[in-house]
């Protein structure tokens, strides 16, 4: 199963502990994780199911290419990290 982790800055706003989930695509993995955590789903994804503009997901160190359909391929031994964009000045 893929391992998925959320950065501490996300966890300050919404509970989303590290977990493992099956799936052949990023969408399938996220659907499994968010099935038990709908509040995290709405924090990470917009109402169309696409990745919110202020979020980024890394799959084994590479940014997810498909931000809309989330169809990036994943394998069982993959690590997925969900980040919230930070800005400052």
N, C-alpha and C. Protein backbone atom coordinates (compact mmCIF):
# COMPACT_ATOMS: atom_id res chain seq x y z
N UNK A 1 0.84 -1.19 0.00
CA UNK A 1 0.00 0.00 0.00
C UNK A 1 0.88 1.25 0.00
N UNK A 2 0.37 2.29 -0.62
CA UNK A 2 1.09 3.56 -0.65
C UNK A 2 1.02 4.21 0.72
N UNK A 3 2.11 4.87 1.09
CA UNK A 3 2.15 5.62 2.36
C UNK A 3 1.89 7.08 2.05
N UNK A 4 0.96 7.68 2.79
CA UNK A 4 0.62 9.08 2.57
C UNK A 4 0.79 9.86 3.87
N UNK A 5 1.46 11.00 3.76
CA UNK A 5 1.72 11.86 4.92
C UNK A 5 1.32 13.29 4.59
N UNK A 6 0.87 13.99 5.60
CA UNK A 6 0.49 15.39 5.48
C UNK A 6 1.44 16.21 6.34
N UNK A 7 1.88 17.35 5.84
CA UNK A 7 2.84 18.17 6.57
C UNK A 7 2.21 18.72 7.86
N UNK A 8 3.06 19.04 8.84
CA UNK A 8 2.55 19.59 10.10
C UNK A 8 1.73 20.87 9.93
N UNK A 9 2.08 21.70 8.94
CA UNK A 9 1.30 22.94 8.77
C UNK A 9 -0.14 22.63 8.35
N UNK A 10 -0.37 21.55 7.64
CA UNK A 10 -1.74 21.15 7.31
C UNK A 10 -2.43 20.62 8.56
N UNK A 11 -1.71 19.83 9.33
CA UNK A 11 -2.29 19.21 10.52
C UNK A 11 -2.64 20.24 11.60
N UNK A 12 -2.08 21.43 11.51
CA UNK A 12 -2.49 22.50 12.44
C UNK A 12 -3.94 22.89 12.20
N UNK A 13 -4.41 22.69 10.97
CA UNK A 13 -5.76 23.12 10.58
C UNK A 13 -6.77 21.98 10.53
N UNK A 14 -6.27 20.78 10.25
CA UNK A 14 -7.18 19.65 10.07
C UNK A 14 -6.45 18.36 10.46
N UNK A 15 -7.12 17.49 11.16
CA UNK A 15 -6.51 16.22 11.57
C UNK A 15 -6.37 15.30 10.36
N UNK A 16 -5.15 14.90 10.08
CA UNK A 16 -4.90 13.98 8.97
C UNK A 16 -3.60 13.22 9.25
N UNK A 17 -3.70 12.20 10.08
CA UNK A 17 -2.51 11.43 10.45
C UNK A 17 -1.96 10.65 9.25
N UNK A 18 -0.69 10.29 9.31
CA UNK A 18 -0.12 9.45 8.24
C UNK A 18 -0.91 8.15 8.14
N UNK A 19 -1.02 7.64 6.94
CA UNK A 19 -1.76 6.40 6.74
C UNK A 19 -1.23 5.66 5.52
N UNK A 20 -1.79 4.49 5.29
CA UNK A 20 -1.49 3.70 4.11
C UNK A 20 -2.80 3.39 3.41
N UNK A 21 -2.76 3.37 2.08
CA UNK A 21 -3.97 3.10 1.32
C UNK A 21 -3.62 2.43 0.00
N UNK A 22 -4.50 1.56 -0.49
CA UNK A 22 -4.28 0.92 -1.78
C UNK A 22 -4.69 1.85 -2.92
N UNK A 23 -4.22 1.53 -4.11
CA UNK A 23 -4.64 2.27 -5.29
C UNK A 23 -3.59 2.25 -6.37
N UNK A 24 -4.02 2.32 -7.62
CA UNK A 24 -3.11 2.35 -8.76
C UNK A 24 -2.86 3.77 -9.25
N UNK A 25 -3.67 4.72 -8.76
CA UNK A 25 -3.49 6.13 -9.13
C UNK A 25 -3.55 6.97 -7.87
N UNK A 26 -3.07 8.19 -7.98
CA UNK A 26 -3.14 9.12 -6.86
C UNK A 26 -4.59 9.31 -6.44
N UNK A 27 -5.50 9.42 -7.37
CA UNK A 27 -6.93 9.59 -7.08
C UNK A 27 -7.44 8.44 -6.22
N UNK A 28 -7.11 7.19 -6.57
CA UNK A 28 -7.60 6.04 -5.82
C UNK A 28 -7.06 6.04 -4.40
N UNK A 29 -5.79 6.36 -4.24
CA UNK A 29 -5.19 6.41 -2.90
C UNK A 29 -5.88 7.50 -2.06
N UNK A 30 -6.01 8.70 -2.64
CA UNK A 30 -6.65 9.79 -1.90
C UNK A 30 -8.10 9.46 -1.57
N UNK A 31 -8.82 8.84 -2.49
CA UNK A 31 -10.21 8.46 -2.21
C UNK A 31 -10.30 7.54 -1.00
N UNK A 32 -9.36 6.59 -0.89
CA UNK A 32 -9.34 5.69 0.27
C UNK A 32 -9.05 6.46 1.56
N UNK A 33 -8.08 7.35 1.51
CA UNK A 33 -7.72 8.12 2.70
C UNK A 33 -8.86 9.04 3.11
N UNK A 34 -9.45 9.73 2.14
CA UNK A 34 -10.49 10.71 2.45
C UNK A 34 -11.85 10.09 2.75
N UNK A 35 -12.04 8.82 2.43
CA UNK A 35 -13.32 8.16 2.74
C UNK A 35 -13.59 8.21 4.24
N UNK A 36 -12.53 8.11 5.03
CA UNK A 36 -12.68 8.17 6.48
C UNK A 36 -12.39 9.53 7.06
N UNK A 37 -12.11 10.52 6.20
CA UNK A 37 -11.76 11.85 6.68
C UNK A 37 -12.24 12.91 5.69
N UNK A 38 -13.56 13.12 5.60
CA UNK A 38 -14.08 14.09 4.63
C UNK A 38 -13.63 15.53 4.87
N UNK A 39 -13.31 15.89 6.10
CA UNK A 39 -12.83 17.25 6.36
C UNK A 39 -11.48 17.48 5.69
N UNK A 40 -10.61 16.47 5.71
CA UNK A 40 -9.32 16.58 5.04
C UNK A 40 -9.51 16.67 3.53
N UNK A 41 -10.48 15.92 3.01
CA UNK A 41 -10.77 15.96 1.58
C UNK A 41 -11.09 17.39 1.13
N UNK A 42 -11.98 18.05 1.85
CA UNK A 42 -12.36 19.41 1.44
C UNK A 42 -11.25 20.43 1.66
N UNK A 43 -10.30 20.10 2.51
CA UNK A 43 -9.17 21.00 2.73
C UNK A 43 -8.15 20.87 1.60
N UNK A 44 -7.98 19.66 1.08
CA UNK A 44 -6.97 19.40 0.05
C UNK A 44 -7.53 19.54 -1.36
N UNK A 45 -8.78 19.11 -1.56
CA UNK A 45 -9.39 19.12 -2.88
C UNK A 45 -10.50 20.16 -2.96
N UNK A 46 -10.71 20.71 -4.15
CA UNK A 46 -11.80 21.67 -4.32
C UNK A 46 -13.12 20.92 -4.55
N UNK A 47 -14.19 21.66 -4.82
CA UNK A 47 -15.51 21.04 -4.97
C UNK A 47 -15.64 20.20 -6.25
N UNK A 48 -14.69 20.33 -7.16
CA UNK A 48 -14.67 19.52 -8.37
C UNK A 48 -13.76 18.29 -8.22
N UNK A 49 -13.13 18.16 -7.07
CA UNK A 49 -12.24 17.03 -6.82
C UNK A 49 -10.82 17.24 -7.29
N UNK A 50 -10.49 18.44 -7.73
CA UNK A 50 -9.13 18.77 -8.17
C UNK A 50 -8.32 19.27 -6.98
N UNK A 51 -7.02 19.19 -7.10
CA UNK A 51 -6.13 19.67 -6.06
C UNK A 51 -6.26 21.19 -5.95
N UNK A 52 -6.46 21.69 -4.73
CA UNK A 52 -6.58 23.14 -4.53
C UNK A 52 -5.29 23.83 -4.96
N UNK A 53 -5.41 25.09 -5.38
CA UNK A 53 -4.26 25.85 -5.88
C UNK A 53 -3.16 26.01 -4.84
N UNK A 54 -3.51 26.06 -3.58
CA UNK A 54 -2.51 26.28 -2.54
C UNK A 54 -1.92 24.96 -2.00
N UNK A 55 -2.23 23.85 -2.67
CA UNK A 55 -1.72 22.54 -2.25
C UNK A 55 -0.81 21.97 -3.32
N UNK A 56 0.11 21.10 -2.91
CA UNK A 56 0.94 20.35 -3.85
C UNK A 56 1.16 18.97 -3.26
N UNK A 57 1.20 17.98 -4.13
CA UNK A 57 1.42 16.60 -3.70
C UNK A 57 2.67 16.08 -4.40
N UNK A 58 3.55 15.48 -3.61
CA UNK A 58 4.75 14.86 -4.15
C UNK A 58 4.61 13.35 -4.06
N UNK A 59 4.91 12.69 -5.17
CA UNK A 59 4.89 11.24 -5.24
C UNK A 59 6.33 10.79 -5.41
N UNK A 60 6.86 10.17 -4.38
CA UNK A 60 8.28 9.78 -4.36
C UNK A 60 9.20 10.91 -4.82
N UNK A 61 8.95 12.11 -4.29
CA UNK A 61 9.83 13.24 -4.53
C UNK A 61 9.53 14.05 -5.78
N UNK A 62 8.54 13.64 -6.57
CA UNK A 62 8.19 14.39 -7.78
C UNK A 62 6.78 14.95 -7.64
N UNK A 63 6.60 16.19 -8.05
CA UNK A 63 5.29 16.82 -7.97
C UNK A 63 4.30 16.08 -8.86
N UNK A 64 3.10 15.89 -8.36
CA UNK A 64 2.04 15.26 -9.15
C UNK A 64 1.81 16.09 -10.41
N UNK A 65 1.75 15.44 -11.55
CA UNK A 65 1.59 16.14 -12.82
C UNK A 65 0.14 16.49 -13.11
N UNK A 66 -0.78 15.63 -12.71
CA UNK A 66 -2.20 15.81 -13.00
C UNK A 66 -2.91 16.37 -11.77
N UNK A 67 -3.05 17.68 -11.73
CA UNK A 67 -3.67 18.35 -10.57
C UNK A 67 -5.19 18.33 -10.64
N UNK A 68 -5.74 17.98 -11.79
CA UNK A 68 -7.19 18.01 -11.97
C UNK A 68 -7.82 16.63 -11.73
N UNK A 69 -7.36 15.64 -12.47
CA UNK A 69 -7.94 14.30 -12.34
C UNK A 69 -7.18 13.40 -11.38
N UNK A 70 -5.94 13.80 -11.03
CA UNK A 70 -5.10 13.07 -10.08
C UNK A 70 -4.86 11.63 -10.53
N UNK A 71 -4.56 11.47 -11.82
CA UNK A 71 -4.38 10.14 -12.39
C UNK A 71 -2.92 9.69 -12.44
N UNK A 72 -2.02 10.39 -11.75
CA UNK A 72 -0.64 9.95 -11.68
C UNK A 72 -0.61 8.51 -11.16
N UNK A 73 0.22 7.67 -11.78
CA UNK A 73 0.34 6.27 -11.38
C UNK A 73 1.09 6.17 -10.06
N UNK A 74 0.68 5.23 -9.23
CA UNK A 74 1.38 4.94 -7.99
C UNK A 74 1.54 3.43 -7.86
N UNK A 75 2.49 3.04 -7.01
CA UNK A 75 2.70 1.63 -6.72
C UNK A 75 2.56 1.42 -5.22
N UNK A 76 2.55 0.19 -4.82
CA UNK A 76 2.34 -0.13 -3.40
C UNK A 76 3.45 0.40 -2.51
N UNK A 77 4.66 0.51 -3.02
CA UNK A 77 5.80 0.91 -2.20
C UNK A 77 6.10 2.40 -2.29
N UNK A 78 5.16 3.18 -2.72
CA UNK A 78 5.40 4.61 -2.98
C UNK A 78 5.08 5.46 -1.74
N UNK A 79 5.74 6.61 -1.65
CA UNK A 79 5.46 7.57 -0.58
C UNK A 79 4.85 8.82 -1.19
N UNK A 80 3.75 9.26 -0.58
CA UNK A 80 3.03 10.43 -1.05
C UNK A 80 3.04 11.46 0.08
N UNK A 81 3.44 12.69 -0.26
CA UNK A 81 3.47 13.77 0.72
C UNK A 81 2.58 14.91 0.24
N UNK A 82 1.69 15.36 1.12
CA UNK A 82 0.77 16.45 0.79
C UNK A 82 1.27 17.70 1.53
N UNK A 83 1.51 18.76 0.75
CA UNK A 83 2.03 20.01 1.29
C UNK A 83 1.05 21.14 1.03
N UNK A 84 1.08 22.11 1.90
CA UNK A 84 0.35 23.35 1.67
C UNK A 84 1.36 24.41 1.30
N UNK A 85 1.08 25.16 0.24
CA UNK A 85 1.99 26.21 -0.19
C UNK A 85 2.11 27.26 0.90
N UNK A 86 3.31 27.72 1.11
CA UNK A 86 3.58 28.78 2.08
C UNK A 86 4.13 29.99 1.36
N UNK A 87 3.79 31.16 1.83
CA UNK A 87 4.33 32.37 1.22
C UNK A 87 4.66 33.35 2.34
N UNK A 88 5.41 34.31 1.98
CA UNK A 88 5.78 35.31 2.97
C UNK A 88 6.45 36.49 2.29
N UNK A 89 6.83 37.41 3.07
CA UNK A 89 7.43 38.57 2.42
C UNK A 89 8.34 39.29 3.35
